[in-house]
Amino acid sequence: MTAATACRTCGTELREAARFGDGCGAPITERDAHAEYKQVTVLFADVVHSMDIAAAVGAERLREIMADLADRCAVVVQRYGSTVAQFTGYGIMAVFGAPVALEDHAIRACLAALGVQEEVTPLADDVRERDGVELQLRVGLNSGQVIAGEIGSGAFGYTTIGEQVGMAQRMESVAPPGGVMVSASTARLVEGAATLGEPELVQIKGADAPVPARRLLGLGDGHRAAWRAESNLSVGGGRCRPLKACWTVPSRATAQWWASWAHRALARAV
């Protein structure tokens, strides 16, 4: 049987040769490792002017900043149910709705996007005071159908592939510094629950014509409170609360990865 990386029922990371999910007790089958279509919302967050920051602070300090940023972002996306997330070199990508199906994946992604921007504020204040540079993020969201599963033999882990993933990255590229931009598909799913800016047409890479997008300005406190109440329900109560899964990375490995990235980034900036 091909090993799966995350339980399809609860999203918890699977031990090698596990026959049941540790979080929910559901049996693990060969189908768990296969690719499948999923309705998801994808979040991309990226550091603004990362190369300028690299040149200003040096490789070691850059590693510290980015490691801190990655840890803060990981906490936020886990809080709102993302069990598939990865470093992108300059920020993060998180998926809501795979491997665990979530009816409110777009709302959760919006909460996470706003939470990431809130969480980076104290770090940005520290970087401004210590290093004299501005640390800001752009965040983009897009919703739609993707293919989710393991890549190749599984060495690259569980991930999502498809046009919708690329569109989320394009939304991030046109977001204002410190802001969140959502695609038309995400806007439709959260309209009425979220406060959105006026529709606008934005030019993105790879598109012949401008595409519609909207700024995410906020989300009602009622939705935050409702999600917190739901997240307190246990697996045994009939709902699954996603736990740490594909995002969990040993701290030493994280530090080594960021150190390598920081040196490459500084070399490109110089």
C-alpha atoms as a PDB file:
ATOM      1  CA  MET A   1       0.000   0.000   0.000  1.00  0.00           C
ATOM      2  CA  THR A   2       1.315   3.435  -0.906  1.00  0.00           C
ATOM      3  CA  ALA A   3       1.898   5.530   2.212  1.00  0.00           C
ATOM      4  CA  ALA A   4      -0.338   8.546   2.716  1.00  0.00           C
ATOM      5  CA  THR A   5       0.911  11.686   4.434  1.00  0.00           C
ATOM      6  CA  ALA A   6      -2.380  12.863   5.968  1.00  0.00           C
ATOM      7  CA  CYS A   7      -5.612  11.222   7.014  1.00  0.00           C
ATOM      8  CA  ARG A   8      -8.473  12.023   4.620  1.00  0.00           C
ATOM      9  CA  THR A   9     -10.922  12.162   7.530  1.00  0.00           C
ATOM     10  CA  CYS A  10      -9.201  14.427  10.048  1.00  0.00           C
ATOM     11  CA  GLY A  11      -6.060  15.702   8.312  1.00  0.00           C
ATOM     12  CA  THR A  12      -3.625  14.490  10.967  1.00  0.00           C
ATOM     13  CA  GLU A  13      -0.166  13.452   9.829  1.00  0.00           C
ATOM     14  CA  LEU A  14       0.171   9.685   9.483  1.00  0.00           C
ATOM     15  CA  ARG A  15       2.857   7.596  11.049  1.00  0.00           C
ATOM     16  CA  GLU A  16       4.746   5.233   8.742  1.00  0.00           C
ATOM     17  CA  ALA A  17       2.692   2.103   8.025  1.00  0.00           C
ATOM     18  CA  ALA A  18      -0.235   3.455  10.061  1.00  0.00           C
ATOM     19  CA  ARG A  19      -3.515   1.572   9.551  1.00  0.00           C
ATOM     20  CA  PHE A  20      -5.717   4.074  11.387  1.00  0.00           C
ATOM     21  CA  GLY A  21      -5.701   7.876  11.739  1.00  0.00           C
ATOM     22  CA  ASP A  22      -4.374   8.985  15.132  1.00  0.00           C
ATOM     23  CA  GLY A  23      -6.816  11.884  15.318  1.00  0.00           C
ATOM     24  CA  CYS A  24     -10.058  10.103  14.430  1.00  0.00           C
ATOM     25  CA  GLY A  25      -9.450   6.368  14.309  1.00  0.00           C
ATOM     26  CA  ALA A  26     -10.602   6.097  10.694  1.00  0.00           C
ATOM     27  CA  PRO A  27      -8.994   3.275   8.681  1.00  0.00           C
ATOM     28  CA  ILE A  28      -6.289   4.273   6.219  1.00  0.00           C
ATOM     29  CA  THR A  29      -6.719   2.838   2.747  1.00  0.00           C
ATOM     30  CA  GLU A  30      -4.678   2.935  -0.448  1.00  0.00           C
ATOM     31  CA  ARG A  31      -7.131   5.499  -1.811  1.00  0.00           C
ATOM     32  CA  ASP A  32      -5.892   7.974   0.789  1.00  0.00           C
ATOM     33  CA  ALA A  33      -2.684   8.440  -1.197  1.00  0.00           C
ATOM     34  CA  HIS A  34      -4.371   8.920  -4.561  1.00  0.00           C
ATOM     35  CA  ALA A  35      -5.052  12.253  -6.183  1.00  0.00           C
ATOM     36  CA  GLU A  36      -8.648  13.502  -6.137  1.00  0.00           C
ATOM     37  CA  TYR A  37     -10.636  16.591  -6.986  1.00  0.00           C
ATOM     38  CA  LYS A  38     -11.281  18.988  -4.103  1.00  0.00           C
ATOM     39  CA  GLN A  39     -13.103  22.278  -3.705  1.00  0.00           C
ATOM     40  CA  VAL A  40     -10.673  24.514  -1.829  1.00  0.00           C
ATOM     41  CA  THR A  41      -9.533  28.043  -1.168  1.00  0.00           C
ATOM     42  CA  VAL A  42      -5.810  28.658  -1.645  1.00  0.00           C
ATOM     43  CA  LEU A  43      -3.920  31.361   0.247  1.00  0.00           C
ATOM     44  CA  PHE A  44      -0.623  32.864  -0.873  1.00  0.00           C
ATOM     45  CA  ALA A  45       1.301  35.319   1.306  1.00  0.00           C
ATOM     46  CA  ASP A  46       4.527  36.927   0.152  1.00  0.00           C
ATOM     47  CA  VAL A  47       6.995  39.440   1.578  1.00  0.00           C
ATOM     48  CA  VAL A  48       7.025  42.797  -0.215  1.00  0.00           C
ATOM     49  CA  HIS A  49      10.474  43.849  -1.536  1.00  0.00           C
ATOM     50  CA  SER A  50      12.125  40.755  -0.043  1.00  0.00           C
ATOM     51  CA  MET A  51      15.329  41.275  -2.025  1.00  0.00           C
ATOM     52  CA  ASP A  52      15.687  44.825  -0.694  1.00  0.00           C
ATOM     53  CA  ILE A  53      15.264  43.524   2.843  1.00  0.00           C
ATOM     54  CA  ALA A  54      17.870  40.815   2.174  1.00  0.00           C
ATOM     55  CA  ALA A  55      20.399  43.401   0.995  1.00  0.00           C
ATOM     56  CA  ALA A  56      19.706  45.685   3.962  1.00  0.00           C
ATOM     57  CA  VAL A  57      19.878  43.239   6.867  1.00  0.00           C
ATOM     58  CA  GLY A  58      22.230  40.456   5.733  1.00  0.00           C
ATOM     59  CA  ALA A  59      21.721  36.727   5.494  1.00  0.00           C
ATOM     60  CA  GLU A  60      21.749  35.777   9.186  1.00  0.00           C
ATOM     61  CA  ARG A  61      19.318  38.483  10.281  1.00  0.00           C
ATOM     62  CA  LEU A  62      17.132  37.705   7.282  1.00  0.00           C
ATOM     63  CA  ARG A  63      16.994  34.091   8.390  1.00  0.00           C
ATOM     64  CA  GLU A  64      15.832  35.166  11.845  1.00  0.00           C
ATOM     65  CA  ILE A  65      13.134  37.427  10.432  1.00  0.00           C
ATOM     66  CA  MET A  66      11.804  34.878   7.961  1.00  0.00           C
ATOM     67  CA  ALA A  67      11.857  32.007  10.444  1.00  0.00           C
ATOM     68  CA  ASP A  68       9.851  34.139  12.898  1.00  0.00           C
ATOM     69  CA  LEU A  69       7.445  35.117  10.135  1.00  0.00           C
ATOM     70  CA  ALA A  70       6.992  31.491   9.035  1.00  0.00           C
ATOM     71  CA  ASP A  71       6.254  30.371  12.590  1.00  0.00           C
ATOM     72  CA  ARG A  72       3.671  33.130  13.072  1.00  0.00           C
ATOM     73  CA  CYS A  73       1.962  32.331   9.777  1.00  0.00           C
ATOM     74  CA  ALA A  74       1.925  28.610  10.568  1.00  0.00           C
ATOM     75  CA  VAL A  75       0.090  29.220  13.836  1.00  0.00           C
ATOM     76  CA  VAL A  76      -2.566  31.317  12.098  1.00  0.00           C
ATOM     77  CA  VAL A  77      -3.305  28.988   9.189  1.00  0.00           C
ATOM     78  CA  GLN A  78      -3.435  25.984  11.515  1.00  0.00           C
ATOM     79  CA  ARG A  79      -5.865  27.867  13.731  1.00  0.00           C
ATOM     80  CA  TYR A  80      -8.338  28.126  10.879  1.00  0.00           C
ATOM     81  CA  GLY A  81      -8.018  24.565   9.640  1.00  0.00           C
ATOM     82  CA  SER A  82      -5.303  24.430   6.987  1.00  0.00           C
ATOM     83  CA  THR A  83      -3.510  21.097   7.078  1.00  0.00           C
ATOM     84  CA  VAL A  84      -1.634  21.535   3.799  1.00  0.00           C
ATOM     85  CA  ALA A  85       0.836  24.396   3.796  1.00  0.00           C
ATOM     86  CA  GLN A  86       4.341  25.009   2.582  1.00  0.00           C
ATOM     87  CA  PHE A  87       7.101  27.568   2.371  1.00  0.00           C
ATOM     88  CA  THR A  88       7.359  29.221  -1.031  1.00  0.00           C
ATOM     89  CA  GLY A  89      10.793  30.813  -0.601  1.00  0.00           C
ATOM     90  CA  TYR A  90       9.433  34.275   0.070  1.00  0.00           C
ATOM     91  CA  GLY A  91       6.308  33.449   2.061  1.00  0.00           C
ATOM     92  CA  ILE A  92       3.734  30.700   2.452  1.00  0.00           C
ATOM     93  CA  MET A  93       0.997  28.839   0.631  1.00  0.00           C
ATOM     94  CA  ALA A  94      -1.887  27.315   2.600  1.00  0.00           C
ATOM     95  CA  VAL A  95      -4.871  25.277   1.417  1.00  0.00           C
ATOM     96  CA  PHE A  96      -8.278  25.148   3.077  1.00  0.00           C
ATOM     97  CA  GLY A  97     -10.498  22.226   2.138  1.00  0.00           C
ATOM     98  CA  ALA A  98      -7.974  19.437   1.458  1.00  0.00           C
ATOM     99  CA  PRO A  99      -7.386  16.738   2.448  1.00  0.00           C
ATOM    100  CA  VAL A 100     -10.263  17.431   4.854  1.00  0.00           C
ATOM    101  CA  ALA A 101     -13.338  18.779   3.056  1.00  0.00           C
ATOM    102  CA  LEU A 102     -14.523  22.056   4.617  1.00  0.00           C
ATOM    103  CA  GLU A 103     -17.826  23.617   3.592  1.00  0.00           C
ATOM    104  CA  ASP A 104     -16.664  27.013   4.850  1.00  0.00           C
ATOM    105  CA  HIS A 105     -13.178  26.848   3.322  1.00  0.00           C
ATOM    106  CA  ALA A 106     -13.450  30.365   1.859  1.00  0.00           C
ATOM    107  CA  ILE A 107     -14.480  31.914   5.195  1.00  0.00           C
ATOM    108  CA  ARG A 108     -11.646  30.133   6.968  1.00  0.00           C
ATOM    109  CA  ALA A 109      -9.154  31.332   4.376  1.00  0.00           C
ATOM    110  CA  CYS A 110     -10.369  34.913   4.788  1.00  0.00           C
ATOM    111  CA  LEU A 111     -10.011  34.657   8.558  1.00  0.00           C
ATOM    112  CA  ALA A 112      -6.500  33.278   8.096  1.00  0.00           C
ATOM    113  CA  ALA A 113      -5.531  36.011   5.616  1.00  0.00           C
ATOM    114  CA  LEU A 114      -6.637  38.766   7.978  1.00  0.00           C
ATOM    115  CA  GLY A 115      -5.029  36.932  10.894  1.00  0.00           C
ATOM    116  CA  VAL A 116      -1.697  36.681   9.086  1.00  0.00           C
ATOM    117  CA  GLN A 117      -1.690  40.426   8.451  1.00  0.00           C
ATOM    118  CA  GLU A 118      -2.511  41.079  12.109  1.00  0.00           C
ATOM    119  CA  GLU A 119       0.143  38.649  13.311  1.00  0.00           C
ATOM    120  CA  VAL A 120       2.911  40.213  11.226  1.00  0.00           C
ATOM    121  CA  THR A 121       2.334  43.693  12.710  1.00  0.00           C
ATOM    122  CA  PRO A 122       4.379  43.246  15.925  1.00  0.00           C
ATOM    123  CA  LEU A 123       7.165  41.569  13.969  1.00  0.00           C
ATOM    124  CA  ALA A 124       7.152  44.428  11.451  1.00  0.00           C
ATOM    125  CA  ASP A 125       7.392  46.930  14.315  1.00  0.00           C
ATOM    126  CA  ASP A 126      10.435  45.093  15.685  1.00  0.00           C
ATOM    127  CA  VAL A 127      12.099  44.923  12.265  1.00  0.00           C
ATOM    128  CA  ARG A 128      11.475  48.630  11.675  1.00  0.00           C
ATOM    129  CA  GLU A 129      12.999  49.530  15.044  1.00  0.00           C
ATOM    130  CA  ARG A 130      16.009  47.201  14.841  1.00  0.00           C
ATOM    131  CA  ASP A 131      16.792  47.232  11.139  1.00  0.00           C
ATOM    132  CA  GLY A 132      15.204  50.368   9.725  1.00  0.00           C
ATOM    133  CA  VAL A 133      13.292  48.499   6.990  1.00  0.00           C
ATOM    134  CA  GLU A 134       9.616  47.903   6.337  1.00  0.00           C
ATOM    135  CA  LEU A 135       8.325  44.343   6.560  1.00  0.00           C
ATOM    136  CA  GLN A 136       4.975  43.937   4.819  1.00  0.00           C
ATOM    137  CA  LEU A 137       3.025  41.096   3.272  1.00  0.00           C
ATOM    138  CA  ARG A 138       0.756  40.803   0.289  1.00  0.00           C
ATOM    139  CA  VAL A 139      -1.915  38.098   0.569  1.00  0.00           C
ATOM    140  CA  GLY A 140      -4.051  36.618  -2.209  1.00  0.00           C
ATOM    141  CA  LEU A 141      -6.979  34.169  -2.121  1.00  0.00           C
ATOM    142  CA  ASN A 142      -8.703  32.119  -4.796  1.00  0.00           C
ATOM    143  CA  SER A 143     -11.349  29.399  -4.604  1.00  0.00           C
ATOM    144  CA  GLY A 144     -12.147  26.545  -6.956  1.00  0.00           C
ATOM    145  CA  GLN A 145     -11.502  22.939  -7.878  1.00  0.00           C
ATOM    146  CA  VAL A 146      -7.992  21.508  -7.686  1.00  0.00           C
ATOM    147  CA  ILE A 147      -6.382  18.092  -7.867  1.00  0.00           C
ATOM    148  CA  ALA A 148      -5.025  17.166  -4.448  1.00  0.00           C
ATOM    149  CA  GLY A 149      -2.750  14.291  -3.506  1.00  0.00           C
ATOM    150  CA  GLU A 150       0.828  13.110  -3.398  1.00  0.00           C
ATOM    151  CA  ILE A 151       3.336  14.031  -6.096  1.00  0.00           C
ATOM    152  CA  GLY A 152       5.371  11.260  -7.715  1.00  0.00           C
ATOM    153  CA  SER A 153       6.417   8.588  -5.245  1.00  0.00           C
ATOM    154  CA  GLY A 154       5.261  10.732  -2.350  1.00  0.00           C
ATOM    155  CA  ALA A 155       8.624  12.294  -1.567  1.00  0.00           C
ATOM    156  CA  PHE A 156       7.163  15.758  -2.079  1.00  0.00           C
ATOM    157  CA  GLY A 157       4.171  15.091   0.164  1.00  0.00           C
ATOM    158  CA  TYR A 158       0.514  16.021  -0.214  1.00  0.00           C
ATOM    159  CA  THR A 159      -0.093  19.085  -2.366  1.00  0.00           C
ATOM    160  CA  THR A 160      -2.622  20.732  -4.665  1.00  0.00           C
ATOM    161  CA  ILE A 161      -2.281  21.378  -8.389  1.00  0.00           C
ATOM    162  CA  GLY A 162      -4.348  23.305 -10.875  1.00  0.00           C
ATOM    163  CA  GLU A 163      -5.214  26.631 -12.421  1.00  0.00           C
ATOM    164  CA  GLN A 164      -6.873  27.781  -9.193  1.00  0.00           C
ATOM    165  CA  VAL A 165      -3.571  27.544  -7.314  1.00  0.00           C
ATOM    166  CA  GLY A 166      -1.899  29.811  -9.851  1.00  0.00           C
ATOM    167  CA  MET A 167      -4.758  32.293  -9.668  1.00  0.00           C
ATOM    168  CA  ALA A 168      -4.303  32.604  -5.895  1.00  0.00           C
ATOM    169  CA  GLN A 169      -0.674  33.514  -6.489  1.00  0.00           C
ATOM    170  CA  ARG A 170      -1.724  36.057  -9.103  1.00  0.00           C
ATOM    171  CA  MET A 171      -4.135  37.626  -6.595  1.00  0.00           C
ATOM    172  CA  GLU A 172      -1.265  37.943  -4.150  1.00  0.00           C
ATOM    173  CA  SER A 173       0.861  39.683  -6.781  1.00  0.00           C
ATOM    174  CA  VAL A 174      -1.721  42.460  -7.260  1.00  0.00           C
ATOM    175  CA  ALA A 175      -2.611  42.904  -3.586  1.00  0.00           C
ATOM    176  CA  PRO A 176      -1.467  46.168  -1.997  1.00  0.00           C
ATOM    177  CA  PRO A 177       1.290  45.938   0.643  1.00  0.00           C
ATOM    178  CA  GLY A 178      -0.368  45.026   3.915  1.00  0.00           C
ATOM    179  CA  GLY A 179      -3.589  44.049   2.126  1.00  0.00           C
ATOM    180  CA  VAL A 180      -5.550  41.013   0.960  1.00  0.00           C
ATOM    181  CA  MET A 181      -6.902  40.567  -2.568  1.00  0.00           C
ATOM    182  CA  VAL A 182      -9.536  37.946  -3.378  1.00  0.00           C
ATOM    183  CA  SER A 183     -10.620  36.582  -6.732  1.00  0.00           C
ATOM    184  CA  ALA A 184     -14.160  36.761  -8.054  1.00  0.00           C
ATOM    185  CA  SER A 185     -14.764  33.127  -7.080  1.00  0.00           C
ATOM    186  CA  THR A 186     -13.746  33.704  -3.461  1.00  0.00           C
ATOM    187  CA  ALA A 187     -15.699  36.957  -3.317  1.00  0.00           C
ATOM    188  CA  ARG A 188     -18.879  35.129  -4.358  1.00  0.00           C
ATOM    189  CA  LEU A 189     -18.451  32.583  -1.562  1.00  0.00           C
ATOM    190  CA  VAL A 190     -17.913  35.147   1.209  1.00  0.00           C
ATOM    191  CA  GLU A 191     -20.103  38.022   0.018  1.00  0.00           C
ATOM    192  CA  GLY A 192     -22.503  38.916   2.780  1.00  0.00           C
ATOM    193  CA  ALA A 193     -20.152  37.566   5.426  1.00  0.00           C
ATOM    194  CA  ALA A 194     -17.077  39.630   4.559  1.00  0.00           C
ATOM    195  CA  THR A 195     -16.529  43.321   3.993  1.00  0.00           C
ATOM    196  CA  LEU A 196     -15.188  43.667   0.472  1.00  0.00           C
ATOM    197  CA  GLY A 197     -13.913  46.591  -1.532  1.00  0.00           C
ATOM    198  CA  GLU A 198     -15.495  47.664  -4.775  1.00  0.00           C
ATOM    199  CA  PRO A 199     -14.955  45.298  -7.725  1.00  0.00           C
ATOM    200  CA  GLU A 200     -11.916  46.232  -9.779  1.00  0.00           C
ATOM    201  CA  LEU A 201     -10.174  44.901 -12.842  1.00  0.00           C
ATOM    202  CA  VAL A 202      -6.545  43.924 -12.371  1.00  0.00           C
ATOM    203  CA  GLN A 203      -3.930  42.893 -14.896  1.00  0.00           C
ATOM    204  CA  ILE A 204      -2.252  39.618 -13.979  1.00  0.00           C
ATOM    205  CA  LYS A 205       0.543  37.649 -15.550  1.00  0.00           C
ATOM    206  CA  GLY A 206      -0.601  35.193 -18.194  1.00  0.00           C
ATOM    207  CA  ALA A 207      -4.000  36.798 -18.823  1.00  0.00           C
ATOM    208  CA  ASP A 208      -4.790  38.620 -22.054  1.00  0.00           C
ATOM    209  CA  ALA A 209      -7.405  40.823 -20.387  1.00  0.00           C
ATOM    210  CA  PRO A 210      -7.818  42.231 -16.868  1.00  0.00           C
ATOM    211  CA  VAL A 211      -9.630  39.968 -14.398  1.00  0.00           C
ATOM    212  CA  PRO A 212     -12.048  40.985 -11.611  1.00  0.00           C
ATOM    213  CA  ALA A 213     -10.838  41.111  -8.016  1.00  0.00           C
ATOM    214  CA  ARG A 214     -11.832  42.696  -4.711  1.00  0.00           C
ATOM    215  CA  ARG A 215     -10.028  43.817  -1.572  1.00  0.00           C
ATOM    216  CA  LEU A 216     -10.829  41.905   1.610  1.00  0.00           C
ATOM    217  CA  LEU A 217     -11.373  44.583   4.247  1.00  0.00           C
ATOM    218  CA  GLY A 218     -12.762  42.611   7.172  1.00  0.00           C
ATOM    219  CA  LEU A 219     -15.001  39.861   8.456  1.00  0.00           C
ATOM    220  CA  GLY A 220     -17.808  40.152  10.983  1.00  0.00           C
ATOM    221  CA  ASP A 221     -17.039  39.343  14.606  1.00  0.00           C
ATOM    222  CA  GLY A 222     -19.964  36.937  14.574  1.00  0.00           C
ATOM    223  CA  HIS A 223     -18.188  34.701  12.080  1.00  0.00           C
ATOM    224  CA  ARG A 224     -15.002  34.725  14.141  1.00  0.00           C
ATOM    225  CA  ALA A 225     -16.942  33.782  17.276  1.00  0.00           C
ATOM    226  CA  ALA A 226     -18.902  31.082  15.446  1.00  0.00           C
ATOM    227  CA  TRP A 227     -15.722  29.538  14.087  1.00  0.00           C
ATOM    228  CA  ARG A 228     -14.075  29.535  17.527  1.00  0.00           C
ATOM    229  CA  ALA A 229     -17.098  27.752  18.982  1.00  0.00           C
ATOM    230  CA  GLU A 230     -17.066  25.143  16.206  1.00  0.00           C
ATOM    231  CA  SER A 231     -13.327  24.592  16.523  1.00  0.00           C
ATOM    232  CA  ASN A 232     -13.822  23.552  20.138  1.00  0.00           C
ATOM    233  CA  LEU A 233     -15.954  20.567  19.092  1.00  0.00           C
ATOM    234  CA  SER A 234     -14.109  17.294  19.321  1.00  0.00           C
ATOM    235  CA  VAL A 235     -13.775  14.634  16.669  1.00  0.00           C
ATOM    236  CA  GLY A 236     -15.973  12.357  18.749  1.00  0.00           C
ATOM    237  CA  GLY A 237     -18.781  14.906  18.604  1.00  0.00           C
ATOM    238  CA  GLY A 238     -19.278  14.299  14.897  1.00  0.00           C
ATOM    239  CA  ARG A 239     -17.066  17.050  13.526  1.00  0.00           C
ATOM    240  CA  CYS A 240     -13.407  16.876  12.817  1.00  0.00           C
ATOM    241  CA  ARG A 241     -11.067  19.564  14.049  1.00  0.00           C
ATOM    242  CA  PRO A 242      -8.001  19.474  11.798  1.00  0.00           C
ATOM    243  CA  LEU A 243      -4.795  19.088  13.754  1.00  0.00           C
ATOM    244  CA  LYS A 244      -1.194  19.702  12.808  1.00  0.00           C
ATOM    245  CA  ALA A 245      -0.447  17.787   9.644  1.00  0.00           C
ATOM    246  CA  CYS A 246       1.658  18.612   6.619  1.00  0.00           C
ATOM    247  CA  TRP A 247       2.709  21.926   8.154  1.00  0.00           C
ATOM    248  CA  THR A 248       4.605  20.351  11.045  1.00  0.00           C
ATOM    249  CA  VAL A 249       8.344  20.780  10.428  1.00  0.00           C
ATOM    250  CA  PRO A 250      11.108  20.204  13.002  1.00  0.00           C
ATOM    251  CA  SER A 251      12.545  23.520  14.143  1.00  0.00           C
ATOM    252  CA  ARG A 252      16.109  22.569  13.217  1.00  0.00           C
ATOM    253  CA  ALA A 253      15.053  21.684   9.667  1.00  0.00           C
ATOM    254  CA  THR A 254      13.153  24.942   9.433  1.00  0.00           C
ATOM    255  CA  ALA A 255      16.183  26.924  10.540  1.00  0.00           C
ATOM    256  CA  GLN A 256      18.447  25.138   8.076  1.00  0.00           C
ATOM    257  CA  TRP A 257      15.994  25.717   5.218  1.00  0.00           C
ATOM    258  CA  TRP A 258      15.694  29.427   5.952  1.00  0.00           C
ATOM    259  CA  ALA A 259      19.469  29.773   6.340  1.00  0.00           C
ATOM    260  CA  SER A 260      19.986  28.247   2.891  1.00  0.00           C
ATOM    261  CA  TRP A 261      17.276  30.437   1.384  1.00  0.00           C
ATOM    262  CA  ALA A 262      18.649  33.580   3.028  1.00  0.00           C
ATOM    263  CA  HIS A 263      22.124  33.034   1.589  1.00  0.00           C
ATOM    264  CA  ARG A 264      20.689  32.489  -1.894  1.00  0.00           C
ATOM    265  CA  ALA A 265      18.481  35.550  -1.577  1.00  0.00           C
ATOM    266  CA  LEU A 266      21.370  37.744  -0.455  1.00  0.00           C
ATOM    267  CA  ALA A 267      23.541  36.490  -3.320  1.00  0.00           C
ATOM    268  CA  ARG A 268      20.826  37.454  -5.828  1.00  0.00           C
ATOM    269  CA  ALA A 269      20.369  40.860  -4.211  1.00  0.00           C
ATOM    270  CA  VAL A 270      24.087  41.690  -4.344  1.00  0.00           C
END
